Structure formats: structure tokens, C-alpha cells
Amino acid sequence: MKLKKLQIYFYQFLQGTFAHYFVLFFIVVSILAVIASSFQEMLPYQLYLFGVTYISSFIFLLEYLARIFSAPAQYPNKKAVKARLKYVFSFYGFVDFVAMLPCVLTYLYWDTQVVHVIILPYIFIIFKLIRHSRSFRIIGSVLYSVKDELITAYTACLIMVSFTSILMYYIERSAQPDVFSNIGDSMWWAVVAFTTTGYGDIYPITPLGKVLASIISMIGIAMIAVPTGIIGSAFMNIVQQRGKRTIAKQMKQEEKDDK
């Protein structure tokens, strides 16, 4: 019974405001430290920046262990072992695991060259912001609500890009054997043309190739607008629903105050 109360206490603490901003502070600081370490001017401070990363990852290690311990309180309908496994193998569990790796691996490989490579997985720490950022959670809700529509739209885009890249390869390979040397190069051109980015590093020179490039660019404008419209519409719906819930809560609170 005491163990359950302790698990609930840890879970409530991790969900609380203090823990939220405390962890968020170290997330932001560690991201800034990783960015700063890439500048040549910061080379004299490399050890200090690594120290910031190490301290941050130690905090994330404590958070990770606390979340494993309090997992039964997060999933009360599951047994303790299953609840902990559910958290460990969840998206957030993976991100939390990667975030605390530098602390553990640095301790094990401090005197080896591996210590300089340990920081690479740390880029996944950016995903920890999703849990602690309301904006990211809203975006995640938006994308999840229209996932089927987005899969359909992007599947159509993939089919169009694949068809066009294969066709362009056979049109241009004789005129530009070095540029369109394989369908992979042609696929790169198709993606750039379809998204209307147009880097200019690879382009058709034959009349038929130019016609095909014009068509794919025009189609690309229309096709890219489809997922944009889907996401925009879903975003507005969620914002409106949240606004209605906020208004309803305010009205209930006003009714309580009047009584």
C-alpha cells in the first residue's frame, strides 16, 4: 500500500508544474550546449559545454528512473511489470532513454575516443519538448486526427513522383548520361520539381523532358496544397473545440460563483 502511494506521489510530482519547468529548463540548456559546441569559437569552452550536457543527462536519468518506478500509477489498469514495459517501449520512453544515455556511457567510456561520439544520439532530446510543450502536443493531435487523409495524399504524391522519375530517366538518359545516370538521380529531380523547389543542380534539356518538367511542377503545386489544406482545416477544428471547452468551463465557473 505504501509502495502504491509512493508511485502515485512520484507520478503526480512528475506531472506537476515544478517538475515540468525544471526538466524543460535542462532540455533547453542542453540543446543550447549542443548547438554551441559546434562553433569553432566555443572550442575553449568545450569541456564546460560537455559538463552541461552531462549534468542534464544525469537529471534525465533520474527522471527516467522515476517514470519507470511510477509507471503503475500512470497505467493503473495494468500490472506493475506490464505498466513499466509499456512506458519503456513507448515513444516517450525511447526518447527519455536516449536522453539519459550520455550520463551512463560517459561514465563507462570516459578515457576512450568513444566519448566524443556519445553526444550524437543526444539530438533526440529535442523530442522531449513534445511532452513539455503545449504547442507540440496540439500539432501532434492535429496530425493524428488526419493521419488517414495524409497517408492517402502522400501516397498519391509518391506514385506521381515515382512515375515521373522513371519516365524522365528514359527521356533524358541519352542526352545527359552523366546527370540522369540512374533512376535514383531522376527521383531526386522529381522530388525537387514536384515540390517546386528547383535547386537547378539537375534539370532536363530535351524538349519532351522540359514539357514533362512543366507538367510535374504544375501538378506539384496542386498536390502539395492538398495535405496543407487537410492539416490547416484539422488545426482550426481542434483550436475551435478547445475554445468551446474553455468557454464552457468559464460558464460553469460563473454559474458556481452566482450560486
Protein backbone atom coordinates (compact mmCIF):
# COMPACT_ATOMS: atom_id res chain seq x y z
CA MET A 1 0.00 0.00 0.00
CA LYS A 2 2.84 2.37 0.86
CA LEU A 3 4.54 1.46 -2.42
CA LYS A 4 1.41 2.39 -4.39
CA LYS A 5 1.14 5.72 -2.60
CA LEU A 6 4.80 6.39 -3.35
CA GLN A 7 4.28 5.57 -7.03
CA ILE A 8 1.26 7.91 -7.17
CA TYR A 9 3.27 10.63 -5.42
CA PHE A 10 6.15 10.33 -7.91
CA TYR A 11 3.74 10.33 -10.86
CA GLN A 12 1.89 13.40 -9.59
CA PHE A 13 5.22 15.13 -8.93
CA LEU A 14 6.42 14.42 -12.48
CA GLN A 15 3.14 15.80 -13.83
CA GLY A 16 3.38 18.88 -11.62
CA THR A 17 4.41 22.41 -12.62
CA PHE A 18 7.76 22.39 -10.80
CA ALA A 19 8.99 19.15 -12.43
CA HIS A 20 7.65 20.34 -15.78
CA TYR A 21 9.65 23.59 -15.80
CA PHE A 22 12.67 22.03 -14.08
CA VAL A 23 13.07 19.38 -16.79
CA LEU A 24 12.17 21.88 -19.51
CA PHE A 25 14.99 24.16 -18.30
CA PHE A 26 17.57 21.37 -18.66
CA ILE A 27 16.19 20.37 -22.05
CA VAL A 28 16.64 23.91 -23.40
CA VAL A 29 20.06 24.33 -21.75
CA SER A 30 21.34 21.02 -23.12
CA ILE A 31 20.10 21.80 -26.64
CA LEU A 32 21.85 25.18 -26.50
CA ALA A 33 25.03 23.47 -25.25
CA VAL A 34 24.99 21.01 -28.16
CA ILE A 35 24.47 23.86 -30.64
CA ALA A 36 27.21 25.98 -29.06
CA SER A 37 29.69 23.08 -29.12
CA SER A 38 29.55 23.06 -32.94
CA PHE A 39 31.07 26.57 -33.17
CA GLN A 40 34.83 26.90 -33.53
CA GLU A 41 34.80 29.97 -31.27
CA MET A 42 33.43 27.83 -28.41
CA LEU A 43 36.30 25.33 -28.60
CA PRO A 44 37.99 26.66 -25.39
CA TYR A 45 34.71 26.07 -23.54
CA GLN A 46 34.17 22.57 -24.94
CA LEU A 47 34.72 20.90 -21.57
CA TYR A 48 32.21 23.19 -19.84
CA LEU A 49 29.62 22.57 -22.55
CA PHE A 50 30.17 18.84 -22.22
CA GLY A 51 29.72 19.24 -18.47
CA VAL A 52 26.35 20.95 -19.03
CA THR A 53 25.30 18.08 -21.25
CA TYR A 54 26.47 15.54 -18.68
CA ILE A 55 24.59 17.22 -15.82
CA SER A 56 21.46 17.50 -17.95
CA SER A 57 21.61 13.84 -18.92
CA PHE A 58 22.02 12.96 -15.22
CA ILE A 59 18.78 14.85 -14.49
CA PHE A 60 17.13 12.96 -17.35
CA LEU A 61 18.44 9.70 -15.90
CA LEU A 62 16.73 10.48 -12.59
CA GLU A 63 13.54 11.40 -14.47
CA TYR A 64 13.70 8.17 -16.49
CA LEU A 65 14.08 6.03 -13.36
CA ALA A 66 11.29 7.95 -11.63
CA ARG A 67 8.96 7.41 -14.60
CA ILE A 68 9.74 3.68 -14.67
CA PHE A 69 9.03 3.48 -10.93
CA SER A 70 5.76 5.45 -11.21
CA ALA A 71 4.54 3.71 -14.40
CA PRO A 72 1.95 1.61 -12.46
CA ALA A 73 0.31 4.87 -11.36
CA GLN A 74 0.26 6.07 -14.98
CA TYR A 75 -1.31 2.80 -16.18
CA PRO A 76 -3.45 1.70 -13.18
CA ASN A 77 -5.30 -0.95 -15.20
CA LYS A 78 -2.10 -2.89 -15.88
CA LYS A 79 0.16 -4.95 -13.65
CA ALA A 80 3.34 -3.27 -12.44
CA VAL A 81 5.66 -5.12 -14.83
CA LYS A 82 3.42 -4.57 -17.86
CA ALA A 83 2.93 -0.90 -16.97
CA ARG A 84 6.70 -0.35 -16.80
CA LEU A 85 7.27 -2.20 -20.08
CA LYS A 86 4.54 -0.14 -21.73
CA TYR A 87 6.33 3.05 -20.73
CA VAL A 88 9.83 1.78 -21.64
CA PHE A 89 8.74 0.76 -25.15
CA SER A 90 6.58 3.84 -25.75
CA PHE A 91 7.71 6.83 -27.83
CA TYR A 92 8.40 8.96 -24.75
CA GLY A 93 10.14 6.02 -23.07
CA PHE A 94 12.53 5.72 -26.04
CA VAL A 95 13.24 9.46 -26.06
CA ASP A 96 13.82 9.51 -22.28
CA PHE A 97 16.15 6.51 -22.62
CA VAL A 98 18.26 8.17 -25.33
CA ALA A 99 18.36 11.44 -23.36
CA MET A 100 19.97 9.78 -20.34
CA LEU A 101 22.49 7.69 -22.36
CA PRO A 102 25.34 10.28 -22.30
CA CYS A 103 25.37 10.16 -18.50
CA VAL A 104 25.77 6.37 -18.39
CA LEU A 105 28.03 5.93 -21.43
CA THR A 106 30.35 8.80 -20.48
CA TYR A 107 30.95 7.13 -17.13
CA LEU A 108 31.82 3.86 -18.88
CA TYR A 109 33.92 5.26 -21.76
CA TRP A 110 35.45 8.39 -20.22
CA ASP A 111 39.07 7.52 -21.16
CA THR A 112 38.33 6.37 -24.72
CA GLN A 113 37.71 8.05 -28.06
CA VAL A 114 34.10 6.87 -27.95
CA VAL A 115 33.28 9.67 -25.52
CA HIS A 116 33.23 12.17 -28.42
CA VAL A 117 30.65 10.12 -30.33
CA ILE A 118 28.36 9.61 -27.34
CA ILE A 119 26.82 13.05 -27.82
CA LEU A 120 25.39 12.15 -31.27
CA PRO A 121 22.23 10.33 -30.06
CA TYR A 122 21.58 13.34 -27.86
CA ILE A 123 19.86 15.10 -30.77
CA PHE A 124 16.77 13.03 -29.91
CA ILE A 125 16.40 15.16 -26.81
CA ILE A 126 14.57 17.70 -28.97
CA PHE A 127 11.64 15.27 -28.96
CA LYS A 128 11.42 15.63 -25.17
CA LEU A 129 9.99 19.08 -25.87
CA ILE A 130 6.84 17.39 -27.21
CA ARG A 131 5.88 16.23 -23.71
CA HIS A 132 6.63 19.62 -22.14
CA SER A 133 5.29 21.87 -24.90
CA ARG A 134 1.57 22.52 -25.35
CA SER A 135 2.18 23.67 -28.94
CA PHE A 136 3.85 20.39 -29.90
CA ARG A 137 1.03 18.40 -28.30
CA ILE A 138 -1.55 20.34 -30.32
CA ILE A 139 0.39 19.71 -33.54
CA GLY A 140 0.61 16.01 -32.64
CA SER A 141 -3.16 15.90 -32.06
CA VAL A 142 -3.76 17.60 -35.40
CA LEU A 143 -1.57 15.17 -37.35
CA TYR A 144 -3.05 12.14 -35.56
CA SER A 145 -6.63 13.24 -36.27
CA VAL A 146 -6.00 13.38 -40.05
CA LYS A 147 -3.42 10.60 -40.37
CA ASP A 148 -5.55 8.57 -42.81
CA GLU A 149 -6.13 11.56 -45.09
CA LEU A 150 -2.42 12.46 -45.01
CA ILE A 151 -1.40 8.88 -45.84
CA THR A 152 -3.73 8.96 -48.85
CA ALA A 153 -2.42 12.34 -50.03
CA TYR A 154 1.26 11.45 -49.65
CA THR A 155 0.73 8.05 -51.26
CA ALA A 156 -0.67 9.82 -54.33
CA CYS A 157 2.36 12.16 -54.30
CA LEU A 158 4.74 9.19 -54.06
CA ILE A 159 3.07 7.44 -57.01
CA MET A 160 3.28 10.61 -59.11
CA VAL A 161 6.94 11.23 -58.22
CA SER A 162 7.92 7.59 -58.91
CA PHE A 163 6.12 7.53 -62.28
CA THR A 164 7.63 10.84 -63.37
CA SER A 165 11.16 9.99 -62.29
CA ILE A 166 11.15 6.71 -64.23
CA LEU A 167 9.71 8.42 -67.32
CA MET A 168 12.21 11.30 -67.12
CA TYR A 169 15.12 8.89 -66.79
CA TYR A 170 14.29 7.21 -70.11
CA ILE A 171 13.71 10.59 -71.79
CA GLU A 172 16.94 12.26 -70.62
CA ARG A 173 19.46 9.44 -70.18
CA SER A 174 20.72 9.66 -73.78
CA ALA A 175 21.02 13.45 -73.75
CA GLN A 176 22.51 13.68 -70.24
CA PRO A 177 24.08 10.31 -69.29
CA ASP A 178 26.16 11.91 -66.52
CA VAL A 179 23.24 13.85 -64.99
CA PHE A 180 20.46 11.26 -65.29
CA SER A 181 22.77 8.29 -64.76
CA ASN A 182 20.15 6.25 -62.89
CA ILE A 183 16.55 6.42 -61.67
CA GLY A 184 17.80 7.50 -58.23
CA ASP A 185 19.16 10.75 -59.72
CA SER A 186 15.92 11.13 -61.64
CA MET A 187 13.97 10.61 -58.41
CA TRP A 188 15.89 13.50 -56.82
CA TRP A 189 14.94 15.73 -59.75
CA ALA A 190 11.29 14.62 -59.48
CA VAL A 191 11.11 15.48 -55.77
CA VAL A 192 12.72 18.90 -56.31
CA ALA A 193 10.44 19.66 -59.27
CA PHE A 194 7.31 18.29 -57.58
CA THR A 195 7.83 20.47 -54.52
CA THR A 196 8.64 23.43 -56.85
CA THR A 197 11.95 23.95 -55.01
CA GLY A 198 14.05 23.93 -58.17
CA TYR A 199 17.67 23.84 -56.99
CA GLY A 200 18.92 23.89 -60.58
CA ASP A 201 21.54 21.16 -59.97
CA ILE A 202 19.72 18.73 -62.25
CA TYR A 203 17.22 19.62 -64.98
CA PRO A 204 16.03 18.30 -68.39
CA ILE A 205 17.38 19.75 -71.66
CA THR A 206 15.32 17.84 -74.24
CA PRO A 207 12.01 19.35 -75.45
CA LEU A 208 9.99 16.37 -74.20
CA GLY A 209 11.80 16.49 -70.86
CA LYS A 210 11.00 20.20 -70.47
CA VAL A 211 7.33 19.55 -71.19
CA LEU A 212 7.26 16.78 -68.57
CA ALA A 213 9.06 19.04 -66.06
CA SER A 214 6.47 21.79 -66.63
CA ILE A 215 3.60 19.36 -66.10
CA ILE A 216 5.04 17.86 -62.90
CA SER A 217 5.70 21.34 -61.49
CA MET A 218 2.11 22.43 -62.13
CA ILE A 219 0.75 19.20 -60.65
CA GLY A 220 3.08 19.61 -57.69
CA ILE A 221 1.59 22.99 -56.81
CA ALA A 222 -1.89 21.44 -56.64
CA MET A 223 -0.81 18.23 -54.87
CA ILE A 224 1.24 19.95 -52.16
CA ALA A 225 -1.76 22.16 -51.39
CA VAL A 226 -3.87 19.08 -50.51
CA PRO A 227 -2.05 17.98 -47.30
CA THR A 228 -1.56 21.65 -46.39
CA GLY A 229 -5.31 22.19 -46.58
CA ILE A 230 -6.01 19.00 -44.62
CA ILE A 231 -3.64 19.99 -41.80
CA GLY A 232 -4.89 23.59 -41.77
CA SER A 233 -8.52 22.50 -41.54
CA ALA A 234 -7.80 19.98 -38.76
CA PHE A 235 -5.80 22.58 -36.85
CA MET A 236 -8.68 25.07 -36.96
CA ASN A 237 -11.14 22.39 -35.81
CA ILE A 238 -9.02 21.49 -32.78
CA VAL A 239 -8.47 25.15 -31.88
CA GLN A 240 -12.22 25.79 -32.10
CA GLN A 241 -13.00 22.72 -29.97
CA ARG A 242 -10.51 23.84 -27.33
CA GLY A 243 -12.03 27.32 -27.42
CA LYS A 244 -15.54 25.91 -26.91
CA ARG A 245 -14.34 23.78 -23.96
CA THR A 246 -12.68 26.81 -22.40
CA ILE A 247 -15.85 28.88 -22.77
CA ALA A 248 -17.95 26.04 -21.31
CA LYS A 249 -15.63 25.80 -18.28
CA GLN A 250 -15.83 29.55 -17.76
CA MET A 251 -19.64 29.46 -17.93
CA LYS A 252 -19.78 26.61 -15.38
CA GLN A 253 -17.45 28.51 -13.09
CA GLU A 254 -19.59 31.65 -13.38
CA GLU A 255 -22.72 29.61 -12.56
CA LYS A 256 -21.00 28.21 -9.46
CA ASP A 257 -19.94 31.72 -8.40
CA ASP A 258 -23.50 33.02 -8.83
CA LYS A 259 -24.86 30.24 -6.63
